[in-house]
Amino acid sequence: MRLLIDIGNSKLGLAVFSNNKCVRQSRLEHGGQPDYDRVYNFLDKSIGVKSIKSAAVCSVAPEITQHAVTAVKQLLDIRCLVVDVATLKGFKTLYRLPRQLGCDRMVCSYAAARLYGKPVIVIDVGTAVTWDAMDASGRHLGGAIAPGPVTMSGALNKKTALLPLIPIKRPRAAIGRDTAGAIESGIYWGTIGMIKELVAVISAEMKGRPKIVITGGLAGMVGPHIKNSITDQLLIYKGLNLALQEKEEQER
C-alpha cells in the first residue's frame, strides 16, 4: 500500500492506495497554520493501516511539508518522496522558472497526460482555479491562475461593509432577487463562465482540440457545465501514485 499526501494552502489531503485503487481518504483543514501535533494526530488517526510500504507528498506549504514528512517517519518508519520537477519521469515544463510551478499543478498535469492522453488542459477548482496545458508531445506549456469561488466569496465579505459571506452552491436563478441570491449567481455562473472562456482561448493557442480534465474540491460543481470534460477528483493522488510506482521500478 502507498500513502499519498497533498498539502495545499488551506488543507492537507490524504489517500491510501492499494495498487491503483484508493481505499482510504481523509482531509484536514489547516488554515495555513502549521502545528506538528495537529498534523501528527491527523495522520495517526487517518492512515488506518500499518502495511504501507511507501509514501509521497506534494505540497505548496514547505513548513507543513516538514511536519508531515517527520510524522510519517515516526508513524510508519518510512521516508516520504517529496515530489518536485525532477521527480516526475519525463516531465518538462516551458515555465521560465520551473521552481515557481506549484507541485499540485505539476502532478495533476503529469497524471492527466499519462492517464487520459495528450494534448490536455487540466483545470483545478479549489482555493484558486488553475488551468494547465500539456501539448501533444507531453510538454507542460504553462497556464493561468485565478481566484476560486470560496476566495471570491470571502473577498467580497471582507472588502465590503454590507455584503454577507455566502456558501458556494448553484443558485435557483441567474437573476438574484436579493443580495445573497445575486452573490450566489455572480460567483457560481461567473466561475463557470471564466473557466469556459479560458478553456476556449487556451485551446486556440494550443492549435488543437485538447482533452479537458477537471479536478479539485469543487470539480463536481464545474464538470457538468464543461462539454466533453472528464472529472477526476483523485487526479493528484493518482499522479503521486504513478511517481511512487516509477521510483520503485527504478530501485528494482
C-alpha atoms as a PDB file:
ATOM      1  CA  MET A   1       0.000   0.000   0.000  1.00  0.00           C
ATOM      2  CA  ARG A   2       1.048   3.577  -0.661  1.00  0.00           C
ATOM      3  CA  LEU A   3       0.380   6.732   1.356  1.00  0.00           C
ATOM      4  CA  LEU A   4      -0.235   9.842  -0.753  1.00  0.00           C
ATOM      5  CA  ILE A   5      -0.368  13.322   0.787  1.00  0.00           C
ATOM      6  CA  ASP A   6      -1.464  16.562  -0.879  1.00  0.00           C
ATOM      7  CA  ILE A   7      -0.749  19.732   1.105  1.00  0.00           C
ATOM      8  CA  GLY A   8      -2.450  22.842  -0.205  1.00  0.00           C
ATOM      9  CA  ASN A   9      -2.754  26.423   1.010  1.00  0.00           C
ATOM     10  CA  SER A  10      -5.627  25.632   3.350  1.00  0.00           C
ATOM     11  CA  LYS A  11      -5.917  21.837   3.618  1.00  0.00           C
ATOM     12  CA  LEU A  12      -3.988  18.609   3.927  1.00  0.00           C
ATOM     13  CA  GLY A  13      -5.452  15.743   1.937  1.00  0.00           C
ATOM     14  CA  LEU A  14      -4.544  12.097   2.359  1.00  0.00           C
ATOM     15  CA  ALA A  15      -5.230   8.957   0.352  1.00  0.00           C
ATOM     16  CA  VAL A  16      -4.133   5.360   0.742  1.00  0.00           C
ATOM     17  CA  PHE A  17      -3.797   3.379  -2.498  1.00  0.00           C
ATOM     18  CA  SER A  18      -3.661  -0.377  -2.874  1.00  0.00           C
ATOM     19  CA  ASN A  19      -2.067  -0.804  -6.321  1.00  0.00           C
ATOM     20  CA  ASN A  20      -4.114   1.694  -8.364  1.00  0.00           C
ATOM     21  CA  LYS A  21      -7.212   1.798  -6.167  1.00  0.00           C
ATOM     22  CA  CYS A  22      -7.984   4.370  -3.470  1.00  0.00           C
ATOM     23  CA  VAL A  23      -9.014   2.507  -0.317  1.00  0.00           C
ATOM     24  CA  ARG A  24      -8.961   5.347   2.193  1.00  0.00           C
ATOM     25  CA  GLN A  25      -9.217   9.131   2.032  1.00  0.00           C
ATOM     26  CA  SER A  26      -9.262  11.939   4.595  1.00  0.00           C
ATOM     27  CA  ARG A  27      -8.807  15.708   4.832  1.00  0.00           C
ATOM     28  CA  LEU A  28      -7.618  18.258   7.389  1.00  0.00           C
ATOM     29  CA  GLU A  29      -8.341  21.972   7.134  1.00  0.00           C
ATOM     30  CA  HIS A  30      -5.132  23.526   8.439  1.00  0.00           C
ATOM     31  CA  GLY A  31      -5.894  27.142   7.502  1.00  0.00           C
ATOM     32  CA  GLY A  32      -2.235  27.876   6.837  1.00  0.00           C
ATOM     33  CA  GLN A  33      -1.333  27.391  10.496  1.00  0.00           C
ATOM     34  CA  PRO A  34       1.432  24.758  10.807  1.00  0.00           C
ATOM     35  CA  ASP A  35       1.154  22.714  14.003  1.00  0.00           C
ATOM     36  CA  TYR A  36       3.157  19.495  14.266  1.00  0.00           C
ATOM     37  CA  ASP A  37       0.965  17.824  16.882  1.00  0.00           C
ATOM     38  CA  ARG A  38      -2.155  18.503  14.840  1.00  0.00           C
ATOM     39  CA  VAL A  39      -0.576  17.074  11.682  1.00  0.00           C
ATOM     40  CA  TYR A  40       0.760  14.039  13.574  1.00  0.00           C
ATOM     41  CA  ASN A  41      -2.595  13.290  15.227  1.00  0.00           C
ATOM     42  CA  PHE A  42      -4.450  13.667  11.941  1.00  0.00           C
ATOM     43  CA  LEU A  43      -2.103  11.266  10.157  1.00  0.00           C
ATOM     44  CA  ASP A  44      -2.141   8.804  13.045  1.00  0.00           C
ATOM     45  CA  LYS A  45      -5.951   8.704  13.001  1.00  0.00           C
ATOM     46  CA  SER A  46      -6.414   8.819   9.225  1.00  0.00           C
ATOM     47  CA  ILE A  47      -3.830   6.386   7.884  1.00  0.00           C
ATOM     48  CA  GLY A  48      -5.711   3.489   9.426  1.00  0.00           C
ATOM     49  CA  VAL A  49      -3.327   0.744   8.290  1.00  0.00           C
ATOM     50  CA  LYS A  50       0.295  -0.056   9.086  1.00  0.00           C
ATOM     51  CA  SER A  51       1.027  -2.115   5.956  1.00  0.00           C
ATOM     52  CA  ILE A  52       2.096   0.958   3.977  1.00  0.00           C
ATOM     53  CA  LYS A  53       5.436   0.458   2.253  1.00  0.00           C
ATOM     54  CA  SER A  54       5.975   3.837   0.586  1.00  0.00           C
ATOM     55  CA  ALA A  55       4.751   7.437   0.746  1.00  0.00           C
ATOM     56  CA  ALA A  56       4.809  10.575  -1.372  1.00  0.00           C
ATOM     57  CA  VAL A  57       3.917  14.169  -0.620  1.00  0.00           C
ATOM     58  CA  CYS A  58       3.025  17.046  -2.932  1.00  0.00           C
ATOM     59  CA  SER A  59       2.999  20.419  -1.214  1.00  0.00           C
ATOM     60  CA  VAL A  60       2.811  24.169  -1.670  1.00  0.00           C
ATOM     61  CA  ALA A  61       3.396  24.769   2.071  1.00  0.00           C
ATOM     62  CA  PRO A  62       7.036  23.953   3.000  1.00  0.00           C
ATOM     63  CA  GLU A  63       6.701  24.171   6.791  1.00  0.00           C
ATOM     64  CA  ILE A  64       3.711  21.831   6.878  1.00  0.00           C
ATOM     65  CA  THR A  65       5.556  19.518   4.482  1.00  0.00           C
ATOM     66  CA  GLN A  66       8.305  19.053   7.039  1.00  0.00           C
ATOM     67  CA  HIS A  67       5.746  18.270   9.735  1.00  0.00           C
ATOM     68  CA  ALA A  68       4.129  15.639   7.506  1.00  0.00           C
ATOM     69  CA  VAL A  69       7.434  14.039   6.494  1.00  0.00           C
ATOM     70  CA  THR A  70       8.566  13.835  10.131  1.00  0.00           C
ATOM     71  CA  ALA A  71       5.226  12.413  11.284  1.00  0.00           C
ATOM     72  CA  VAL A  72       5.197   9.723   8.584  1.00  0.00           C
ATOM     73  CA  LYS A  73       8.723   8.693   9.572  1.00  0.00           C
ATOM     74  CA  GLN A  74       7.665   8.374  13.206  1.00  0.00           C
ATOM     75  CA  LEU A  75       4.392   6.561  12.470  1.00  0.00           C
ATOM     76  CA  LEU A  76       5.470   4.190   9.691  1.00  0.00           C
ATOM     77  CA  ASP A  77       9.280   4.282   9.724  1.00  0.00           C
ATOM     78  CA  ILE A  78       9.413   5.149   6.018  1.00  0.00           C
ATOM     79  CA  ARG A  79      10.727   8.170   4.149  1.00  0.00           C
ATOM     80  CA  CYS A  80       8.350  10.309   2.096  1.00  0.00           C
ATOM     81  CA  LEU A  81       9.174  11.038  -1.507  1.00  0.00           C
ATOM     82  CA  VAL A  82       8.816  14.829  -1.723  1.00  0.00           C
ATOM     83  CA  VAL A  83       7.755  15.374  -5.325  1.00  0.00           C
ATOM     84  CA  ASP A  84       9.282  18.179  -7.389  1.00  0.00           C
ATOM     85  CA  VAL A  85      10.012  18.873 -11.053  1.00  0.00           C
ATOM     86  CA  ALA A  86      12.989  16.489 -11.012  1.00  0.00           C
ATOM     87  CA  THR A  87      10.971  13.624  -9.555  1.00  0.00           C
ATOM     88  CA  LEU A  88       8.438  13.116 -12.346  1.00  0.00           C
ATOM     89  CA  LYS A  89       9.992  10.994 -15.065  1.00  0.00           C
ATOM     90  CA  GLY A  90       9.873  12.720 -18.441  1.00  0.00           C
ATOM     91  CA  PHE A  91       8.028  15.799 -17.194  1.00  0.00           C
ATOM     92  CA  LYS A  92       9.174  19.003 -18.909  1.00  0.00           C
ATOM     93  CA  THR A  93       7.797  22.484 -18.447  1.00  0.00           C
ATOM     94  CA  LEU A  94       8.258  25.642 -20.506  1.00  0.00           C
ATOM     95  CA  TYR A  95       7.819  27.743 -17.355  1.00  0.00           C
ATOM     96  CA  ARG A  96      10.651  30.297 -17.338  1.00  0.00           C
ATOM     97  CA  LEU A  97      11.338  29.493 -13.682  1.00  0.00           C
ATOM     98  CA  PRO A  98      10.259  25.854 -13.132  1.00  0.00           C
ATOM     99  CA  ARG A  99      10.501  26.200  -9.355  1.00  0.00           C
ATOM    100  CA  GLN A 100       7.603  28.657  -9.485  1.00  0.00           C
ATOM    101  CA  LEU A 101       5.305  25.963 -10.863  1.00  0.00           C
ATOM    102  CA  GLY A 102       3.222  24.636  -7.972  1.00  0.00           C
ATOM    103  CA  CYS A 103       3.749  20.970  -7.185  1.00  0.00           C
ATOM    104  CA  ASP A 104      -0.008  20.340  -7.341  1.00  0.00           C
ATOM    105  CA  ARG A 105      -0.229  21.758 -10.870  1.00  0.00           C
ATOM    106  CA  MET A 106       2.774  19.736 -11.942  1.00  0.00           C
ATOM    107  CA  VAL A 107       1.496  16.427 -10.557  1.00  0.00           C
ATOM    108  CA  CYS A 108      -2.028  16.893 -11.928  1.00  0.00           C
ATOM    109  CA  SER A 109      -0.694  17.783 -15.385  1.00  0.00           C
ATOM    110  CA  TYR A 110       1.615  14.781 -15.338  1.00  0.00           C
ATOM    111  CA  ALA A 111      -1.192  12.447 -14.245  1.00  0.00           C
ATOM    112  CA  ALA A 112      -3.718  13.756 -16.771  1.00  0.00           C
ATOM    113  CA  ALA A 113      -1.294  13.337 -19.678  1.00  0.00           C
ATOM    114  CA  ARG A 114      -0.423   9.802 -18.571  1.00  0.00           C
ATOM    115  CA  LEU A 115      -3.960   8.654 -17.792  1.00  0.00           C
ATOM    116  CA  TYR A 116      -6.119  10.491 -20.321  1.00  0.00           C
ATOM    117  CA  GLY A 117      -3.773  11.314 -23.195  1.00  0.00           C
ATOM    118  CA  LYS A 118      -2.350  14.429 -24.814  1.00  0.00           C
ATOM    119  CA  PRO A 119      -2.875  17.263 -25.563  1.00  0.00           C
ATOM    120  CA  VAL A 120      -4.812  18.082 -22.412  1.00  0.00           C
ATOM    121  CA  ILE A 121      -5.911  21.041 -20.302  1.00  0.00           C
ATOM    122  CA  VAL A 122      -6.163  20.385 -16.561  1.00  0.00           C
ATOM    123  CA  ILE A 123      -8.471  22.624 -14.534  1.00  0.00           C
ATOM    124  CA  ASP A 124      -8.130  22.509 -10.736  1.00  0.00           C
ATOM    125  CA  VAL A 125     -11.012  24.197  -8.905  1.00  0.00           C
ATOM    126  CA  GLY A 126     -10.206  24.957  -5.283  1.00  0.00           C
ATOM    127  CA  THR A 127      -8.892  27.949  -3.302  1.00  0.00           C
ATOM    128  CA  ALA A 128      -7.646  29.085  -6.700  1.00  0.00           C
ATOM    129  CA  VAL A 129      -8.713  27.995 -10.157  1.00  0.00           C
ATOM    130  CA  THR A 130      -5.770  26.892 -12.283  1.00  0.00           C
ATOM    131  CA  TRP A 131      -5.523  25.921 -15.931  1.00  0.00           C
ATOM    132  CA  ASP A 132      -2.517  23.898 -17.143  1.00  0.00           C
ATOM    133  CA  ALA A 133      -1.820  22.980 -20.764  1.00  0.00           C
ATOM    134  CA  MET A 134       0.103  19.914 -21.928  1.00  0.00           C
ATOM    135  CA  ASP A 135       0.864  19.654 -25.641  1.00  0.00           C
ATOM    136  CA  ALA A 136       0.815  16.554 -27.857  1.00  0.00           C
ATOM    137  CA  SER A 137       4.450  15.759 -27.046  1.00  0.00           C
ATOM    138  CA  GLY A 138       3.814  15.919 -23.292  1.00  0.00           C
ATOM    139  CA  ARG A 139       5.401  19.294 -22.602  1.00  0.00           C
ATOM    140  CA  HIS A 140       3.827  21.495 -19.951  1.00  0.00           C
ATOM    141  CA  LEU A 141       3.264  24.794 -21.759  1.00  0.00           C
ATOM    142  CA  GLY A 142       2.116  26.911 -18.806  1.00  0.00           C
ATOM    143  CA  GLY A 143      -1.354  28.026 -17.822  1.00  0.00           C
ATOM    144  CA  ALA A 144      -3.452  30.503 -15.886  1.00  0.00           C
ATOM    145  CA  ILE A 145      -4.419  31.210 -12.269  1.00  0.00           C
ATOM    146  CA  ALA A 146      -7.498  32.986 -10.882  1.00  0.00           C
ATOM    147  CA  PRO A 147      -9.324  33.172  -7.532  1.00  0.00           C
ATOM    148  CA  GLY A 148     -11.563  30.223  -6.716  1.00  0.00           C
ATOM    149  CA  PRO A 149     -15.261  30.563  -5.763  1.00  0.00           C
ATOM    150  CA  VAL A 150     -14.672  30.415  -1.991  1.00  0.00           C
ATOM    151  CA  THR A 151     -11.878  33.006  -2.302  1.00  0.00           C
ATOM    152  CA  MET A 152     -14.221  35.283  -4.259  1.00  0.00           C
ATOM    153  CA  SER A 153     -16.937  34.964  -1.627  1.00  0.00           C
ATOM    154  CA  GLY A 154     -14.501  35.665   1.202  1.00  0.00           C
ATOM    155  CA  ALA A 155     -13.048  38.700  -0.565  1.00  0.00           C
ATOM    156  CA  LEU A 156     -16.487  40.246  -1.114  1.00  0.00           C
ATOM    157  CA  ASN A 157     -17.312  39.777   2.551  1.00  0.00           C
ATOM    158  CA  LYS A 158     -14.001  41.138   3.858  1.00  0.00           C
ATOM    159  CA  LYS A 159     -13.639  44.064   1.471  1.00  0.00           C
ATOM    160  CA  THR A 160     -17.171  45.440   1.818  1.00  0.00           C
ATOM    161  CA  ALA A 161     -19.255  46.665   4.717  1.00  0.00           C
ATOM    162  CA  LEU A 162     -22.606  45.075   3.847  1.00  0.00           C
ATOM    163  CA  LEU A 163     -22.082  42.005   1.659  1.00  0.00           C
ATOM    164  CA  PRO A 164     -22.532  38.702   3.549  1.00  0.00           C
ATOM    165  CA  LEU A 165     -20.371  35.578   3.316  1.00  0.00           C
ATOM    166  CA  ILE A 166     -22.267  33.207   1.026  1.00  0.00           C
ATOM    167  CA  PRO A 167     -21.782  29.436   0.752  1.00  0.00           C
ATOM    168  CA  ILE A 168     -20.999  28.166  -2.734  1.00  0.00           C
ATOM    169  CA  LYS A 169     -23.970  26.469  -4.373  1.00  0.00           C
ATOM    170  CA  ARG A 170     -25.943  26.603  -7.586  1.00  0.00           C
ATOM    171  CA  PRO A 171     -28.482  29.457  -7.394  1.00  0.00           C
ATOM    172  CA  ARG A 172     -32.146  28.878  -8.152  1.00  0.00           C
ATOM    173  CA  ALA A 173     -31.995  31.588 -10.802  1.00  0.00           C
ATOM    174  CA  ALA A 174     -29.309  33.644 -12.513  1.00  0.00           C
ATOM    175  CA  ILE A 175     -31.224  36.826 -11.631  1.00  0.00           C
ATOM    176  CA  GLY A 176     -30.879  37.216  -7.883  1.00  0.00           C
ATOM    177  CA  ARG A 177     -33.868  38.683  -6.060  1.00  0.00           C
ATOM    178  CA  ASP A 178     -31.815  39.730  -3.042  1.00  0.00           C
ATOM    179  CA  THR A 179     -28.166  40.373  -2.203  1.00  0.00           C
ATOM    180  CA  ALA A 180     -27.444  36.768  -1.216  1.00  0.00           C
ATOM    181  CA  GLY A 181     -29.006  35.473  -4.421  1.00  0.00           C
ATOM    182  CA  ALA A 182     -27.104  37.982  -6.510  1.00  0.00           C
ATOM    183  CA  ILE A 183     -23.785  36.945  -4.947  1.00  0.00           C
ATOM    184  CA  GLU A 184     -24.633  33.253  -5.385  1.00  0.00           C
ATOM    185  CA  SER A 185     -25.328  33.833  -9.060  1.00  0.00           C
ATOM    186  CA  GLY A 186     -22.313  36.026  -9.677  1.00  0.00           C
ATOM    187  CA  ILE A 187     -19.851  33.616  -8.073  1.00  0.00           C
ATOM    188  CA  TYR A 188     -21.368  30.388  -9.422  1.00  0.00           C
ATOM    189  CA  TRP A 189     -22.041  31.435 -13.002  1.00  0.00           C
ATOM    190  CA  GLY A 190     -19.065  33.794 -13.042  1.00  0.00           C
ATOM    191  CA  THR A 191     -16.771  30.877 -12.184  1.00  0.00           C
ATOM    192  CA  ILE A 192     -18.335  28.663 -14.861  1.00  0.00           C
ATOM    193  CA  GLY A 193     -18.059  31.430 -17.462  1.00  0.00           C
ATOM    194  CA  MET A 194     -14.472  32.224 -16.530  1.00  0.00           C
ATOM    195  CA  ILE A 195     -13.461  28.571 -16.835  1.00  0.00           C
ATOM    196  CA  LYS A 196     -15.188  28.159 -20.205  1.00  0.00           C
ATOM    197  CA  GLU A 197     -13.577  31.293 -21.627  1.00  0.00           C
ATOM    198  CA  LEU A 198     -10.068  30.318 -20.523  1.00  0.00           C
ATOM    199  CA  VAL A 199     -10.557  26.818 -21.938  1.00  0.00           C
ATOM    200  CA  ALA A 200     -11.540  28.395 -25.272  1.00  0.00           C
ATOM    201  CA  VAL A 201      -8.621  30.805 -25.533  1.00  0.00           C
ATOM    202  CA  ILE A 202      -6.032  28.308 -24.250  1.00  0.00           C
ATOM    203  CA  SER A 203      -7.312  25.682 -26.703  1.00  0.00           C
ATOM    204  CA  ALA A 204      -6.982  28.213 -29.533  1.00  0.00           C
ATOM    205  CA  GLU A 205      -3.379  28.965 -28.578  1.00  0.00           C
ATOM    206  CA  MET A 206      -2.620  25.234 -28.454  1.00  0.00           C
ATOM    207  CA  LYS A 207      -3.937  24.943 -32.029  1.00  0.00           C
ATOM    208  CA  GLY A 208      -5.706  21.686 -31.345  1.00  0.00           C
ATOM    209  CA  ARG A 209      -8.573  20.020 -29.580  1.00  0.00           C
ATOM    210  CA  PRO A 210      -7.181  19.144 -26.165  1.00  0.00           C
ATOM    211  CA  LYS A 211      -8.943  16.880 -23.713  1.00  0.00           C
ATOM    212  CA  ILE A 212     -10.338  18.702 -20.668  1.00  0.00           C
ATOM    213  CA  VAL A 213      -9.771  17.178 -17.218  1.00  0.00           C
ATOM    214  CA  ILE A 214     -11.314  18.847 -14.161  1.00  0.00           C
ATOM    215  CA  THR A 215     -10.148  18.171 -10.622  1.00  0.00           C
ATOM    216  CA  GLY A 216     -10.088  19.808  -7.176  1.00  0.00           C
ATOM    217  CA  GLY A 217     -12.584  20.127  -4.362  1.00  0.00           C
ATOM    218  CA  LEU A 218     -15.196  21.911  -6.470  1.00  0.00           C
ATOM    219  CA  ALA A 219     -14.722  19.870  -9.647  1.00  0.00           C
ATOM    220  CA  GLY A 220     -18.189  18.392  -9.203  1.00  0.00           C
ATOM    221  CA  MET A 221     -19.712  21.868  -9.444  1.00  0.00           C
ATOM    222  CA  VAL A 222     -17.905  22.717 -12.668  1.00  0.00           C
ATOM    223  CA  GLY A 223     -17.716  19.434 -14.552  1.00  0.00           C
ATOM    224  CA  PRO A 224     -21.362  19.182 -15.684  1.00  0.00           C
ATOM    225  CA  HIS A 225     -21.089  22.600 -17.371  1.00  0.00           C
ATOM    226  CA  ILE A 226     -17.938  21.894 -19.424  1.00  0.00           C
ATOM    227  CA  LYS A 227     -18.791  19.952 -22.560  1.00  0.00           C
ATOM    228  CA  ASN A 228     -16.908  16.659 -23.128  1.00  0.00           C
ATOM    229  CA  SER A 229     -14.851  17.129 -19.960  1.00  0.00           C
ATOM    230  CA  ILE A 230     -13.584  14.437 -17.598  1.00  0.00           C
ATOM    231  CA  THR A 231     -13.984  14.949 -13.842  1.00  0.00           C
ATOM    232  CA  ASP A 232     -11.378  13.221 -11.669  1.00  0.00           C
ATOM    233  CA  GLN A 233     -11.188  14.401  -8.067  1.00  0.00           C
ATOM    234  CA  LEU A 234      -8.460  11.853  -7.273  1.00  0.00           C
ATOM    235  CA  LEU A 235      -6.143  13.098 -10.018  1.00  0.00           C
ATOM    236  CA  ILE A 236      -3.387  14.434  -7.758  1.00  0.00           C
ATOM    237  CA  TYR A 237      -3.304  11.197  -5.763  1.00  0.00           C
ATOM    238  CA  LYS A 238      -3.135   9.179  -8.971  1.00  0.00           C
ATOM    239  CA  GLY A 239      -0.172  11.311 -10.049  1.00  0.00           C
ATOM    240  CA  LEU A 240       1.620  10.728  -6.747  1.00  0.00           C
ATOM    241  CA  ASN A 241       0.884   7.024  -7.038  1.00  0.00           C
ATOM    242  CA  LEU A 242       2.447   6.991 -10.525  1.00  0.00           C
ATOM    243  CA  ALA A 243       5.527   8.808  -9.199  1.00  0.00           C
ATOM    244  CA  LEU A 244       5.975   6.183  -6.477  1.00  0.00           C
ATOM    245  CA  GLN A 245       5.475   3.311  -8.921  1.00  0.00           C
ATOM    246  CA  GLU A 246       8.207   4.713 -11.166  1.00  0.00           C
ATOM    247  CA  LYS A 247      10.564   5.225  -8.233  1.00  0.00           C
ATOM    248  CA  GLU A 248      10.010   1.622  -7.107  1.00  0.00           C
ATOM    249  CA  GLU A 249      10.685   0.336 -10.640  1.00  0.00           C
ATOM    250  CA  GLN A 250      13.940   2.309 -10.801  1.00  0.00           C
ATOM    251  CA  GLU A 251      15.097   0.818  -7.495  1.00  0.00           C
ATOM    252  CA  ARG A 252      14.482  -2.808  -8.517  1.00  0.00           C
END
